[in-house]
């Protein structure tokens, strides 16, 4: 019997599983599907957006991560994150007051920062765990005209990225491989990498709001596990189109490149929370670029072009065009202890 590797299920297998689900409730506007960040339910004059995502790679600042990761997906669909529930599974024999209260402080701080109310959840000590696992469910809302779905991406649309890639991976790697990183790059470098969750930051809520308040886009996506490569693939699959991704144009922070080179992993397939992928009609490209012309180190950059219906995905690097089919497996899983 086949045993699956750590990380996401492949898109093909996941699509088969999701295809077994029957949705007969007409109020479900967006159900489970490849490339959709959250579910959407019609509540009358508003749409309710619901997202569920766990944090399994990190132990430090896990409360911070789980709020921002879930809020990102609500914002990427044109919504405002409002209410949050979290299930805390804590390791047997390692859990004390300091751990629990530290997680709660991060949860409260993160929710307060984004104007979210922590409304419930579940907490337990669980046998067999090495680190805490937090599974969050975020609820948000939007209006009918502000909902953003990835199913409307068309041939010829451009793919842009706000900020650089592997922001989350940079912090996760530094935390998990602390001694190796300090030994090779020094204490100050290590501290900069750890702080990546705050600066440049793993939240895309403000960026997503700026986009959907100023122009109509074909789609937005918060790339997480599997990195920008998998995120772009999911957007293309969700709309049934192909994608040409220009790897040489994708912005990579110097710290990120140094870590990925040292540990021999690809930044393009590493945890990418903090970046925002935006699909836009060429006619609106200049307007999108102007929105972020003065933002951060990279602002916004065009990194791809969507191809015709039924086409596959390609990456272009050093002038060489290569067909790819991302597995969804994250590079970070190769090196975390």
Protein backbone atom coordinates (compact mmCIF):
# COMPACT_ATOMS: atom_id res chain seq x y z
CA UNK A 1 0.00 0.00 0.00
CA UNK A 2 1.31 3.44 -0.95
CA UNK A 3 2.55 5.60 1.93
CA UNK A 4 2.39 9.33 1.33
CA UNK A 5 5.26 11.73 2.02
CA UNK A 6 5.13 14.69 4.39
CA UNK A 7 3.33 17.77 3.05
CA UNK A 8 0.39 18.47 0.80
CA UNK A 9 -1.36 15.80 -1.20
CA UNK A 10 -0.73 16.10 -4.93
CA UNK A 11 -3.18 18.32 -6.79
CA UNK A 12 -4.32 15.42 -8.99
CA UNK A 13 -5.09 13.13 -6.07
CA UNK A 14 -6.68 15.93 -4.06
CA UNK A 15 -8.90 16.84 -7.03
CA UNK A 16 -10.14 13.24 -7.13
CA UNK A 17 -10.97 13.32 -3.43
CA UNK A 18 -12.75 16.66 -3.69
CA UNK A 19 -14.69 15.34 -6.68
CA UNK A 20 -16.44 12.88 -4.35
CA UNK A 21 -18.01 15.70 -2.37
CA UNK A 22 -21.61 16.53 -3.23
CA UNK A 23 -22.82 20.03 -2.40
CA UNK A 24 -26.59 20.42 -2.64
CA UNK A 25 -26.87 23.61 -0.61
CA UNK A 26 -27.42 26.43 -3.11
CA UNK A 27 -26.07 28.96 -0.64
CA UNK A 28 -22.57 27.53 -1.06
CA UNK A 29 -21.01 29.94 -3.53
CA UNK A 30 -17.48 28.53 -3.37
CA UNK A 31 -16.87 24.98 -2.22
CA UNK A 32 -13.70 22.88 -2.05
CA UNK A 33 -11.47 23.15 -5.10
CA UNK A 34 -7.90 23.51 -6.30
CA UNK A 35 -6.84 27.14 -6.30
CA UNK A 36 -9.56 28.44 -3.99
CA UNK A 37 -8.30 29.89 -0.72
CA UNK A 38 -11.53 29.51 1.27
CA UNK A 39 -15.18 28.50 1.17
CA UNK A 40 -17.92 31.08 0.63
CA UNK A 41 -21.51 30.90 1.86
CA UNK A 42 -24.32 33.28 0.87
CA UNK A 43 -25.77 34.84 4.03
CA UNK A 44 -28.22 37.15 2.30
CA UNK A 45 -26.81 40.64 2.08
CA UNK A 46 -23.27 39.42 2.79
CA UNK A 47 -21.00 36.55 1.89
CA UNK A 48 -19.42 34.56 4.74
CA UNK A 49 -15.86 33.42 3.93
CA UNK A 50 -14.52 30.46 5.92
CA UNK A 51 -10.93 29.23 6.00
CA UNK A 52 -9.27 26.44 7.98
CA UNK A 53 -5.50 25.95 8.09
CA UNK A 54 -3.09 24.35 10.59
CA UNK A 55 0.43 25.34 11.62
CA UNK A 56 2.68 22.31 11.88
CA UNK A 57 6.19 23.44 10.90
CA UNK A 58 6.97 25.81 13.78
CA UNK A 59 6.74 25.92 17.57
CA UNK A 60 7.93 29.47 18.34
CA UNK A 61 5.38 32.23 17.67
CA UNK A 62 2.92 29.57 16.53
CA UNK A 63 -0.01 31.66 17.77
CA UNK A 64 1.16 34.56 15.60
CA UNK A 65 1.49 32.30 12.57
CA UNK A 66 -1.91 30.65 12.80
CA UNK A 67 -3.83 33.92 12.92
CA UNK A 68 -1.99 35.60 10.06
CA UNK A 69 -1.92 32.54 7.80
CA UNK A 70 -5.68 32.13 8.03
CA UNK A 71 -6.41 35.86 7.75
CA UNK A 72 -4.34 36.03 4.56
CA UNK A 73 -6.65 33.65 2.73
CA UNK A 74 -9.76 35.59 3.71
CA UNK A 75 -8.19 38.81 2.41
CA UNK A 76 -7.03 37.14 -0.82
CA UNK A 77 -10.68 36.48 -1.66
CA UNK A 78 -11.66 40.10 -1.15
CA UNK A 79 -12.92 39.65 2.40
CA UNK A 80 -12.30 41.13 5.83
CA UNK A 81 -11.26 38.61 8.54
CA UNK A 82 -13.59 38.97 11.55
CA UNK A 83 -13.79 35.91 13.83
CA UNK A 84 -11.32 33.18 14.72
CA UNK A 85 -11.44 29.74 16.34
CA UNK A 86 -8.37 27.67 17.14
CA UNK A 87 -7.75 24.06 18.17
CA UNK A 88 -4.56 23.75 20.23
CA UNK A 89 -2.97 20.30 20.35
CA UNK A 90 -0.11 20.41 22.86
CA UNK A 91 2.64 17.78 23.30
CA UNK A 92 2.47 15.41 26.23
CA UNK A 93 5.36 15.80 28.65
CA UNK A 94 6.50 19.15 27.21
CA UNK A 95 3.60 21.48 27.91
CA UNK A 96 3.78 23.96 30.78
CA UNK A 97 2.19 27.28 31.72
CA UNK A 98 4.87 29.28 29.90
CA UNK A 99 4.15 27.50 26.62
CA UNK A 100 0.38 27.81 26.86
CA UNK A 101 0.37 31.43 27.99
CA UNK A 102 2.93 32.36 25.33
CA UNK A 103 0.69 30.92 22.62
CA UNK A 104 -2.35 32.72 24.05
CA UNK A 105 -0.47 36.03 24.17
CA UNK A 106 0.47 35.66 20.50
CA UNK A 107 -3.10 34.75 19.57
CA UNK A 108 -4.48 37.78 21.39
CA UNK A 109 -1.85 40.15 20.00
CA UNK A 110 -2.32 38.98 16.42
CA UNK A 111 -6.11 39.12 16.57
CA UNK A 112 -6.01 42.61 18.09
CA UNK A 113 -3.61 43.80 15.38
CA UNK A 114 -5.99 42.71 12.60
CA UNK A 115 -9.26 43.63 14.33
CA UNK A 116 -10.27 39.98 14.72
CA UNK A 117 -12.27 38.52 17.61
CA UNK A 118 -11.11 35.20 19.06
CA UNK A 119 -14.46 33.48 19.60
CA UNK A 120 -13.62 29.91 20.58
CA UNK A 121 -11.82 26.65 19.93
CA UNK A 122 -10.43 23.67 21.81
CA UNK A 123 -7.30 22.92 23.84
CA UNK A 124 -5.83 19.55 24.85
CA UNK A 125 -2.62 17.74 25.73
CA UNK A 126 -2.11 15.17 22.97
CA UNK A 127 0.16 12.09 23.10
CA UNK A 128 2.66 11.46 20.32
CA UNK A 129 3.35 15.08 19.37
CA UNK A 130 6.86 16.52 19.12
CA UNK A 131 5.69 20.15 18.86
CA UNK A 132 2.42 22.03 19.33
CA UNK A 133 -0.04 21.96 16.44
CA UNK A 134 -2.56 24.77 16.04
CA UNK A 135 -5.47 24.38 13.63
CA UNK A 136 -7.25 27.64 12.97
CA UNK A 137 -10.61 28.48 11.43
CA UNK A 138 -11.07 32.07 10.29
CA UNK A 139 -14.41 33.58 9.36
CA UNK A 140 -14.65 36.76 7.35
CA UNK A 141 -17.17 38.59 5.25
CA UNK A 142 -17.50 40.47 2.02
CA UNK A 143 -20.12 41.75 -0.39
CA UNK A 144 -21.14 40.04 -3.62
CA UNK A 145 -19.34 42.56 -5.81
CA UNK A 146 -16.04 42.33 -3.86
CA UNK A 147 -15.61 38.56 -3.88
CA UNK A 148 -12.48 37.44 -5.74
CA UNK A 149 -12.34 33.96 -7.24
CA UNK A 150 -9.54 32.37 -9.20
CA UNK A 151 -11.86 30.71 -11.70
CA UNK A 152 -11.98 33.85 -13.83
CA UNK A 153 -8.32 33.98 -14.85
CA UNK A 154 -8.07 34.16 -18.65
CA UNK A 155 -5.47 33.58 -21.34
CA UNK A 156 -3.15 36.55 -21.57
CA UNK A 157 -3.61 37.72 -17.97
CA UNK A 158 -0.41 38.68 -16.19
CA UNK A 159 0.76 37.18 -12.89
CA UNK A 160 2.28 39.60 -10.38
CA UNK A 161 3.82 39.09 -6.96
CA UNK A 162 3.75 41.56 -4.07
CA UNK A 163 6.90 41.36 -1.91
CA UNK A 164 9.48 38.57 -2.29
CA UNK A 165 9.22 34.82 -1.96
CA UNK A 166 9.89 32.37 0.88
CA UNK A 167 9.47 34.96 3.63
CA UNK A 168 7.92 32.38 5.94
CA UNK A 169 10.52 29.78 4.99
CA UNK A 170 13.34 32.16 5.89
CA UNK A 171 12.08 32.53 9.45
CA UNK A 172 11.16 28.85 9.85
CA UNK A 173 14.57 27.65 8.66
CA UNK A 174 16.45 30.06 10.92
CA UNK A 175 14.42 29.04 13.97
CA UNK A 176 14.65 25.33 13.29
CA UNK A 177 18.34 25.26 12.29
CA UNK A 178 19.49 27.97 14.71
CA UNK A 179 22.93 26.57 15.53
CA UNK A 180 23.80 25.85 11.90
CA UNK A 181 22.67 29.31 10.78
CA UNK A 182 24.58 31.16 13.52
CA UNK A 183 27.70 29.09 12.94
CA UNK A 184 27.67 29.86 9.20
CA UNK A 185 26.27 33.40 9.05
CA UNK A 186 26.50 34.90 12.54
CA UNK A 187 24.08 36.05 15.25
CA UNK A 188 22.89 39.23 13.53
CA UNK A 189 22.02 37.40 10.32
CA UNK A 190 20.12 34.80 12.33
CA UNK A 191 18.10 37.49 14.12
CA UNK A 192 17.20 39.21 10.83
CA UNK A 193 15.95 35.93 9.41
CA UNK A 194 13.87 35.06 12.47
CA UNK A 195 12.29 38.52 12.32
CA UNK A 196 11.11 37.95 8.74
CA UNK A 197 7.67 37.03 10.09
CA UNK A 198 7.36 40.69 11.12
CA UNK A 199 9.63 42.44 8.58
CA UNK A 200 8.93 42.09 5.67
CA UNK A 201 6.15 40.13 7.39
CA UNK A 202 3.95 37.12 6.66
CA UNK A 203 0.69 39.09 6.54
CA UNK A 204 -0.78 40.07 3.16
CA UNK A 205 -4.01 41.51 4.52
CA UNK A 206 -3.10 45.16 3.88
CA UNK A 207 -1.72 44.36 0.43
CA UNK A 208 -4.83 42.41 -0.56
CA UNK A 209 -7.13 45.20 0.64
CA UNK A 210 -5.13 47.75 -1.35
CA UNK A 211 -5.51 45.64 -4.48
CA UNK A 212 -9.22 44.92 -4.35
CA UNK A 213 -10.13 48.43 -3.27
CA UNK A 214 -8.39 49.98 -6.27
CA UNK A 215 -8.89 47.67 -9.24
CA UNK A 216 -10.66 44.56 -10.45
CA UNK A 217 -8.38 41.54 -10.64
CA UNK A 218 -8.82 38.11 -12.20
CA UNK A 219 -7.59 36.33 -9.09
CA UNK A 220 -5.48 36.55 -5.95
CA UNK A 221 -3.74 33.85 -3.99
CA UNK A 222 -1.71 33.57 -0.80
CA UNK A 223 0.99 31.01 -1.65
CA UNK A 224 1.95 28.90 1.35
CA UNK A 225 3.16 25.30 1.30
CA UNK A 226 4.95 24.45 -1.93
CA UNK A 227 5.90 28.08 -2.44
CA UNK A 228 5.29 30.40 -5.35
CA UNK A 229 5.70 27.53 -7.81
CA UNK A 230 2.79 25.61 -6.31
CA UNK A 231 0.79 28.80 -5.70
CA UNK A 232 0.97 29.80 -9.37
CA UNK A 233 0.09 26.26 -10.40
CA UNK A 234 -2.99 26.23 -8.17
CA UNK A 235 -4.20 29.51 -9.68
CA UNK A 236 -3.79 28.14 -13.20
CA UNK A 237 -5.49 24.82 -12.40
CA UNK A 238 -8.36 26.65 -10.69
CA UNK A 239 -9.15 28.45 -13.95
CA UNK A 240 -8.22 25.63 -16.31
CA UNK A 241 -5.48 27.64 -18.01
CA UNK A 242 -1.75 27.25 -18.46
CA UNK A 243 0.98 29.38 -16.94
CA UNK A 244 4.42 30.57 -17.95
CA UNK A 245 6.42 31.50 -14.84
CA UNK A 246 9.59 33.58 -15.18
CA UNK A 247 11.88 32.39 -12.39
CA UNK A 248 14.55 35.00 -13.12
CA UNK A 249 12.00 37.77 -12.44
CA UNK A 250 10.84 36.45 -9.05
CA UNK A 251 12.26 38.60 -6.23
CA UNK A 252 14.30 36.76 -3.59
CA UNK A 253 15.62 38.45 -0.45
CA UNK A 254 19.42 38.15 0.07
CA UNK A 255 18.91 36.36 3.40
CA UNK A 256 16.52 33.91 1.77
CA UNK A 257 18.92 33.15 -1.07
CA UNK A 258 21.81 32.65 1.36
CA UNK A 259 19.84 30.16 3.47
CA UNK A 260 18.45 28.25 0.49
CA UNK A 261 21.89 28.02 -1.14
CA UNK A 262 23.46 26.85 2.13
CA UNK A 263 20.85 24.14 2.77
CA UNK A 264 20.57 23.29 -0.94
CA UNK A 265 16.84 23.85 -1.32
CA UNK A 266 14.81 25.88 -3.82
CA UNK A 267 13.26 29.19 -2.66
CA UNK A 268 10.62 28.81 -5.38
CA UNK A 269 9.06 25.78 -3.68
CA UNK A 270 9.48 26.91 -0.06
CA UNK A 271 6.91 28.26 2.40
CA UNK A 272 5.81 31.56 0.87
CA UNK A 273 3.38 33.25 3.26
CA UNK A 274 4.00 36.98 3.09
CA UNK A 275 3.87 37.15 -0.69
CA UNK A 276 0.65 37.86 -2.58
CA UNK A 277 0.02 36.53 -6.09
CA UNK A 278 -2.23 38.70 -8.25
CA UNK A 279 -3.66 37.86 -11.68
CA UNK A 280 -4.67 40.89 -13.68
CA UNK A 281 -5.78 41.81 -17.19
CA UNK A 282 -2.92 43.48 -19.13
CA UNK A 283 -4.99 46.65 -19.35
CA UNK A 284 -4.85 47.04 -15.57
CA UNK A 285 -1.19 46.09 -15.17
CA UNK A 286 0.14 49.65 -15.06
CA UNK A 287 -2.40 50.62 -12.43
CA UNK A 288 -1.40 47.66 -10.25
CA UNK A 289 2.27 48.55 -10.57
CA UNK A 290 1.60 52.13 -9.53
CA UNK A 291 -0.18 50.98 -6.35
CA UNK A 292 3.02 49.43 -5.00
CA UNK A 293 5.66 51.61 -6.67
CA UNK A 294 6.93 52.92 -3.33
CA UNK A 295 6.31 49.84 -1.16
CA UNK A 296 9.07 47.82 0.48
CA UNK A 297 12.20 46.41 -1.08
CA UNK A 298 10.50 44.89 -4.14
CA UNK A 299 7.03 46.44 -4.41
CA UNK A 300 5.15 44.45 -7.05
CA UNK A 301 6.68 42.59 -9.97
CA UNK A 302 5.36 40.78 -13.04
CA UNK A 303 6.51 37.17 -12.87
CA UNK A 304 4.32 35.30 -15.34
CA UNK A 305 1.67 35.10 -18.01
CA UNK A 306 -1.34 32.80 -18.17
CA UNK A 307 -1.73 30.65 -21.26
CA UNK A 308 -4.71 29.24 -23.14
CA UNK A 309 -7.26 26.81 -21.75
CA UNK A 310 -5.95 23.29 -21.36
CA UNK A 311 -2.30 24.35 -21.61
CA UNK A 312 0.20 23.19 -19.01
CA UNK A 313 2.61 25.10 -16.77
CA UNK A 314 6.13 26.10 -17.74
CA UNK A 315 9.02 27.76 -15.96
CA UNK A 316 11.46 29.97 -17.82
CA UNK A 317 14.97 30.37 -16.43
CA UNK A 318 18.11 31.56 -18.19
CA UNK A 319 16.12 31.60 -21.41
CA UNK A 320 15.17 27.91 -21.14
CA UNK A 321 11.46 27.01 -21.08
CA UNK A 322 10.69 23.80 -19.16
CA UNK A 323 7.33 22.12 -18.51
CA UNK A 324 6.63 21.48 -14.80
CA UNK A 325 3.94 20.00 -12.61
CA UNK A 326 4.55 20.99 -8.98
CA UNK A 327 3.94 18.22 -6.48
CA UNK A 328 2.96 20.60 -3.68
CA UNK A 329 5.73 19.22 -1.48
CA UNK A 330 7.58 21.95 0.37
CA UNK A 331 11.35 22.22 0.27
CA UNK A 332 11.49 23.16 3.94
CA UNK A 333 10.37 19.66 4.92
CA UNK A 334 13.71 18.35 3.62
CA UNK A 335 15.74 20.15 6.27
CA UNK A 336 13.66 20.88 9.36
CA UNK A 337 14.49 18.67 12.33
